[in-house]
């Protein structure tokens, strides 16, 4: 079982921000984006909260830092969810499917804690899948 403290520590090492308020996160995220992407982010803020808004926001990150800044808005809940989901994953022996994998942080968390079976991540946002693949390749190289 992967405890919440270990999950939180892993996410911090990955680049998730736990100490910033939403406004601070938004400012840091904007600074990390290109000017064109900042415009898109501003546009998303004017849209009603719907699937199209989420698709637009999730299409913005170009790298792992940007993805984690975006996902840091929910970092406390992400840490709790990852720890809870990991409790199931540590009991399974077959391949693991991560639906809505985002930046691939959950797969790397499991691998960091000894899960050796295949972990397949799927996400609607192609840019996030590319970020996840790159980050996972780099992570495996460091190990």
C-alpha atoms as a PDB file:
ATOM      1  CA  UNK A   1       0.000   0.000   0.000  1.00  0.00           C
ATOM      2  CA  UNK A   2       1.251   3.463  -0.881  1.00  0.00           C
ATOM      3  CA  UNK A   3       0.502   5.925   1.895  1.00  0.00           C
ATOM      4  CA  UNK A   4      -0.776   9.455   1.342  1.00  0.00           C
ATOM      5  CA  UNK A   5       2.479  10.996   2.641  1.00  0.00           C
ATOM      6  CA  UNK A   6       4.561   9.022   0.143  1.00  0.00           C
ATOM      7  CA  UNK A   7       2.129   9.926  -2.629  1.00  0.00           C
ATOM      8  CA  UNK A   8       2.278  13.610  -1.751  1.00  0.00           C
ATOM      9  CA  UNK A   9       6.098  13.522  -1.593  1.00  0.00           C
ATOM     10  CA  UNK A  10       6.229  11.832  -5.002  1.00  0.00           C
ATOM     11  CA  UNK A  11       3.903  14.435  -6.533  1.00  0.00           C
ATOM     12  CA  UNK A  12       6.031  17.251  -5.079  1.00  0.00           C
ATOM     13  CA  UNK A  13       9.142  15.705  -6.676  1.00  0.00           C
ATOM     14  CA  UNK A  14       7.193  15.482  -9.941  1.00  0.00           C
ATOM     15  CA  UNK A  15       6.552  19.235  -9.777  1.00  0.00           C
ATOM     16  CA  UNK A  16       3.055  19.533  -8.332  1.00  0.00           C
ATOM     17  CA  UNK A  17       2.521  22.696  -6.285  1.00  0.00           C
ATOM     18  CA  UNK A  18       0.795  22.182  -2.934  1.00  0.00           C
ATOM     19  CA  UNK A  19       1.470  25.552  -1.301  1.00  0.00           C
ATOM     20  CA  UNK A  20       0.155  28.008  -3.889  1.00  0.00           C
ATOM     21  CA  UNK A  21      -3.348  29.447  -3.915  1.00  0.00           C
ATOM     22  CA  UNK A  22      -5.432  29.194  -7.139  1.00  0.00           C
ATOM     23  CA  UNK A  23      -4.651  32.771  -8.216  1.00  0.00           C
ATOM     24  CA  UNK A  24      -0.926  32.207  -7.677  1.00  0.00           C
ATOM     25  CA  UNK A  25      -1.083  28.967  -9.658  1.00  0.00           C
ATOM     26  CA  UNK A  26      -2.868  30.703 -12.517  1.00  0.00           C
ATOM     27  CA  UNK A  27      -0.214  33.434 -12.634  1.00  0.00           C
ATOM     28  CA  UNK A  28       2.617  30.895 -12.590  1.00  0.00           C
ATOM     29  CA  UNK A  29       0.851  28.833 -15.270  1.00  0.00           C
ATOM     30  CA  UNK A  30       0.389  31.909 -17.473  1.00  0.00           C
ATOM     31  CA  UNK A  31       4.107  32.765 -17.144  1.00  0.00           C
ATOM     32  CA  UNK A  32       5.005  29.242 -18.308  1.00  0.00           C
ATOM     33  CA  UNK A  33       2.763  29.422 -21.401  1.00  0.00           C
ATOM     34  CA  UNK A  34       3.449  31.008 -24.775  1.00  0.00           C
ATOM     35  CA  UNK A  35       1.534  34.250 -25.489  1.00  0.00           C
ATOM     36  CA  UNK A  36      -0.846  32.373 -27.826  1.00  0.00           C
ATOM     37  CA  UNK A  37      -1.606  29.810 -25.123  1.00  0.00           C
ATOM     38  CA  UNK A  38      -2.183  32.577 -22.550  1.00  0.00           C
ATOM     39  CA  UNK A  39      -4.867  33.962 -24.878  1.00  0.00           C
ATOM     40  CA  UNK A  40      -6.471  30.524 -25.078  1.00  0.00           C
ATOM     41  CA  UNK A  41      -6.347  30.219 -21.272  1.00  0.00           C
ATOM     42  CA  UNK A  42      -8.057  33.606 -20.943  1.00  0.00           C
ATOM     43  CA  UNK A  43     -10.708  32.496 -23.451  1.00  0.00           C
ATOM     44  CA  UNK A  44     -11.313  29.309 -21.470  1.00  0.00           C
ATOM     45  CA  UNK A  45     -11.961  31.421 -18.387  1.00  0.00           C
ATOM     46  CA  UNK A  46     -14.862  33.091 -20.210  1.00  0.00           C
ATOM     47  CA  UNK A  47     -16.461  29.825 -21.292  1.00  0.00           C
ATOM     48  CA  UNK A  48     -19.192  28.112 -19.295  1.00  0.00           C
ATOM     49  CA  UNK A  49     -17.952  25.168 -17.246  1.00  0.00           C
ATOM     50  CA  UNK A  50     -18.462  22.405 -19.786  1.00  0.00           C
ATOM     51  CA  UNK A  51     -16.607  19.714 -21.661  1.00  0.00           C
ATOM     52  CA  UNK A  52     -15.375  22.128 -24.317  1.00  0.00           C
ATOM     53  CA  UNK A  53     -13.793  24.340 -21.670  1.00  0.00           C
ATOM     54  CA  UNK A  54     -11.982  21.357 -20.167  1.00  0.00           C
ATOM     55  CA  UNK A  55     -10.779  20.205 -23.603  1.00  0.00           C
ATOM     56  CA  UNK A  56      -9.372  23.669 -24.274  1.00  0.00           C
ATOM     57  CA  UNK A  57      -7.644  23.917 -20.896  1.00  0.00           C
ATOM     58  CA  UNK A  58      -6.181  20.408 -21.135  1.00  0.00           C
ATOM     59  CA  UNK A  59      -4.843  21.173 -24.615  1.00  0.00           C
ATOM     60  CA  UNK A  60      -2.640  24.002 -23.282  1.00  0.00           C
ATOM     61  CA  UNK A  61       0.351  22.276 -21.600  1.00  0.00           C
ATOM     62  CA  UNK A  62       3.364  21.681 -23.818  1.00  0.00           C
ATOM     63  CA  UNK A  63       5.603  20.144 -21.161  1.00  0.00           C
ATOM     64  CA  UNK A  64       5.556  18.395 -17.799  1.00  0.00           C
ATOM     65  CA  UNK A  65       6.009  21.584 -15.763  1.00  0.00           C
ATOM     66  CA  UNK A  66       3.005  23.220 -17.418  1.00  0.00           C
ATOM     67  CA  UNK A  67       0.885  20.084 -16.994  1.00  0.00           C
ATOM     68  CA  UNK A  68       1.694  19.860 -13.299  1.00  0.00           C
ATOM     69  CA  UNK A  69       0.982  23.542 -12.765  1.00  0.00           C
ATOM     70  CA  UNK A  70      -2.401  23.025 -14.392  1.00  0.00           C
ATOM     71  CA  UNK A  71      -3.161  19.906 -12.352  1.00  0.00           C
ATOM     72  CA  UNK A  72      -1.895  21.497  -9.125  1.00  0.00           C
ATOM     73  CA  UNK A  73      -5.240  23.228  -8.707  1.00  0.00           C
ATOM     74  CA  UNK A  74      -6.421  19.896  -7.372  1.00  0.00           C
ATOM     75  CA  UNK A  75      -3.133  18.611  -5.916  1.00  0.00           C
ATOM     76  CA  UNK A  76      -4.490  17.736  -2.476  1.00  0.00           C
ATOM     77  CA  UNK A  77      -7.345  15.714  -3.959  1.00  0.00           C
ATOM     78  CA  UNK A  78      -4.976  14.203  -6.539  1.00  0.00           C
ATOM     79  CA  UNK A  79      -2.684  12.925  -3.778  1.00  0.00           C
ATOM     80  CA  UNK A  80      -5.617  11.381  -1.905  1.00  0.00           C
ATOM     81  CA  UNK A  81      -7.063   9.839  -5.079  1.00  0.00           C
ATOM     82  CA  UNK A  82      -3.705   8.454  -6.206  1.00  0.00           C
ATOM     83  CA  UNK A  83      -3.077   6.854  -2.810  1.00  0.00           C
ATOM     84  CA  UNK A  84      -6.564   5.326  -2.831  1.00  0.00           C
ATOM     85  CA  UNK A  85      -6.254   4.030  -6.409  1.00  0.00           C
ATOM     86  CA  UNK A  86      -2.775   2.711  -5.711  1.00  0.00           C
ATOM     87  CA  UNK A  87      -4.201   0.531  -2.929  1.00  0.00           C
ATOM     88  CA  UNK A  88      -6.152  -1.363  -5.614  1.00  0.00           C
ATOM     89  CA  UNK A  89      -3.299  -1.402  -8.104  1.00  0.00           C
ATOM     90  CA  UNK A  90      -0.887  -2.894  -5.584  1.00  0.00           C
ATOM     91  CA  UNK A  91      -3.212  -5.889  -5.219  1.00  0.00           C
ATOM     92  CA  UNK A  92      -3.525  -6.649  -8.932  1.00  0.00           C
ATOM     93  CA  UNK A  93      -1.130  -8.713 -10.974  1.00  0.00           C
ATOM     94  CA  UNK A  94      -2.272  -7.966 -14.517  1.00  0.00           C
ATOM     95  CA  UNK A  95      -1.813  -4.897 -16.640  1.00  0.00           C
ATOM     96  CA  UNK A  96      -3.133  -1.607 -15.270  1.00  0.00           C
ATOM     97  CA  UNK A  97      -5.214   0.786 -17.357  1.00  0.00           C
ATOM     98  CA  UNK A  98      -5.028   4.465 -16.351  1.00  0.00           C
ATOM     99  CA  UNK A  99      -8.012   6.210 -17.952  1.00  0.00           C
ATOM    100  CA  UNK A 100      -7.510   9.970 -18.105  1.00  0.00           C
ATOM    101  CA  UNK A 101      -3.786   9.561 -17.456  1.00  0.00           C
ATOM    102  CA  UNK A 102      -2.938  13.252 -17.854  1.00  0.00           C
ATOM    103  CA  UNK A 103       0.827  13.649 -17.446  1.00  0.00           C
ATOM    104  CA  UNK A 104       1.308   9.988 -16.482  1.00  0.00           C
ATOM    105  CA  UNK A 105       2.151  10.804 -12.851  1.00  0.00           C
ATOM    106  CA  UNK A 106       0.035   7.933 -11.499  1.00  0.00           C
ATOM    107  CA  UNK A 107       1.851   5.361 -13.648  1.00  0.00           C
ATOM    108  CA  UNK A 108       5.221   6.721 -12.517  1.00  0.00           C
ATOM    109  CA  UNK A 109       4.042   6.639  -8.882  1.00  0.00           C
ATOM    110  CA  UNK A 110       3.183   2.945  -9.222  1.00  0.00           C
ATOM    111  CA  UNK A 111       6.482   2.182 -10.952  1.00  0.00           C
ATOM    112  CA  UNK A 112       8.380   4.076  -8.241  1.00  0.00           C
ATOM    113  CA  UNK A 113       6.761   1.807  -5.674  1.00  0.00           C
ATOM    114  CA  UNK A 114       7.706  -1.427  -7.393  1.00  0.00           C
ATOM    115  CA  UNK A 115       4.838  -2.166  -9.764  1.00  0.00           C
ATOM    116  CA  UNK A 116       6.438  -3.936 -12.687  1.00  0.00           C
ATOM    117  CA  UNK A 117       3.455  -4.973 -14.795  1.00  0.00           C
ATOM    118  CA  UNK A 118       2.494  -2.934 -17.843  1.00  0.00           C
ATOM    119  CA  UNK A 119       0.658   0.316 -17.137  1.00  0.00           C
ATOM    120  CA  UNK A 120      -1.243   1.761 -20.077  1.00  0.00           C
ATOM    121  CA  UNK A 121      -2.334   5.376 -19.974  1.00  0.00           C
ATOM    122  CA  UNK A 122      -5.152   6.784 -22.106  1.00  0.00           C
ATOM    123  CA  UNK A 123      -6.183  10.416 -22.331  1.00  0.00           C
ATOM    124  CA  UNK A 124      -8.296  12.399 -24.783  1.00  0.00           C
ATOM    125  CA  UNK A 125      -5.696  15.196 -24.819  1.00  0.00           C
ATOM    126  CA  UNK A 126      -2.986  14.078 -27.251  1.00  0.00           C
ATOM    127  CA  UNK A 127      -0.549  16.670 -25.878  1.00  0.00           C
ATOM    128  CA  UNK A 128      -0.862  15.147 -22.388  1.00  0.00           C
ATOM    129  CA  UNK A 129      -0.231  11.646 -23.740  1.00  0.00           C
ATOM    130  CA  UNK A 130       2.920  12.935 -25.455  1.00  0.00           C
ATOM    131  CA  UNK A 131       4.025  14.621 -22.222  1.00  0.00           C
ATOM    132  CA  UNK A 132       3.336  11.407 -20.276  1.00  0.00           C
ATOM    133  CA  UNK A 133       5.321   9.272 -22.721  1.00  0.00           C
ATOM    134  CA  UNK A 134       8.300  11.621 -22.649  1.00  0.00           C
ATOM    135  CA  UNK A 135       8.275  11.968 -18.855  1.00  0.00           C
ATOM    136  CA  UNK A 136       7.963   8.208 -18.373  1.00  0.00           C
ATOM    137  CA  UNK A 137      10.846   7.487 -20.767  1.00  0.00           C
ATOM    138  CA  UNK A 138      13.015  10.048 -18.953  1.00  0.00           C
ATOM    139  CA  UNK A 139      11.960   8.657 -15.566  1.00  0.00           C
ATOM    140  CA  UNK A 140      12.904   5.093 -16.592  1.00  0.00           C
ATOM    141  CA  UNK A 141      16.283   6.361 -17.819  1.00  0.00           C
ATOM    142  CA  UNK A 142      16.974   7.922 -14.415  1.00  0.00           C
ATOM    143  CA  UNK A 143      16.122   4.729 -12.547  1.00  0.00           C
END
